[in-house]
Amino acid sequence: MNRPAIVLVAGGTGALGSAVTQAFVDAGDSVIVSYRQRRSYDELLAQLRPGAVAVQGIELDAGDEAAVRQAVAACLQRHGRIDALVNAIGGYAGGAPLWEQDGAVLDQMIGMNLRAMHALLHAVVPAMRTQGAGAIVNVAAMSGLGPASGSGLYAASKAAVLSLMATLAEELRGSGVRANSVLPGTIDTPANRSAMPQADFGTWTAPQDIARVIAFLCSDAARAIHGAAIPVRGGH
């Protein structure tokens, strides 16, 4: 991968996304982050350890396919290429049996966990294929393989994304573009601690540990890894 690499981190201001952004900044890469609220981007900039290249931000609703195309086109016009795409956009809704969750919850999970990824792939993959190189990493979840009670619609959306990425990897084989997923368990974030105060936080995974795996998968050191779904979980 070119250095400094041009890395697009979708959802790069969240608890995990900000750690991913920091990992690429530390590697000396040029990072473009998408965000929904300007405040979250300002907070990211305030907490980042500075790197050799300033982080750029794009206000973007990744569920809007036309907006994603325009944003990616602007990135390509400015930089000439996108070396890596990381999708850290996602959301959770659960805590109730499947029969108590209506279609609005399903639409929300599909929108946040599947539609955004599809829109990003639709815009970025053609450019990477033209380049003959690129790395794509999507943040899925262990729930996509083994759902827990009360997480049916969330788990179904994550399973769908895993299927999407597996198919993409087959379609990209031999193109020079790699596609992989990471599957965190429970991520140790302030929001999760607040939601589950009685949990054993020592079994959770720090965002920084997940971010290091993602940065590795986007690097030349991982050039032999393609079509993988890698669990990243467990405490210290």
Foldseek 3Di string as FASTA:
>chain_A
DDVLAEEEEEVLLDQLNLLLVLVSQVVRHAYEYEDQDVVSVVVSVVPHDGHPYDHHYDHDQLLDLVRLLVVLVVVCVVPVAHAEYEYPWADADWDDAPVVDDPVVLVVRLSGQPSSVVSNCVRHVVRCLVVLAHEYEYEAAPLCVPNDGTRVSNNVSSVVVLVVQLVVLVVCPPSRYATEYEHAYAEDDPVVCVVCVPDDCQFFHYSNQVSVVVVCRSDPVVSVDHSYYHYDTGGD
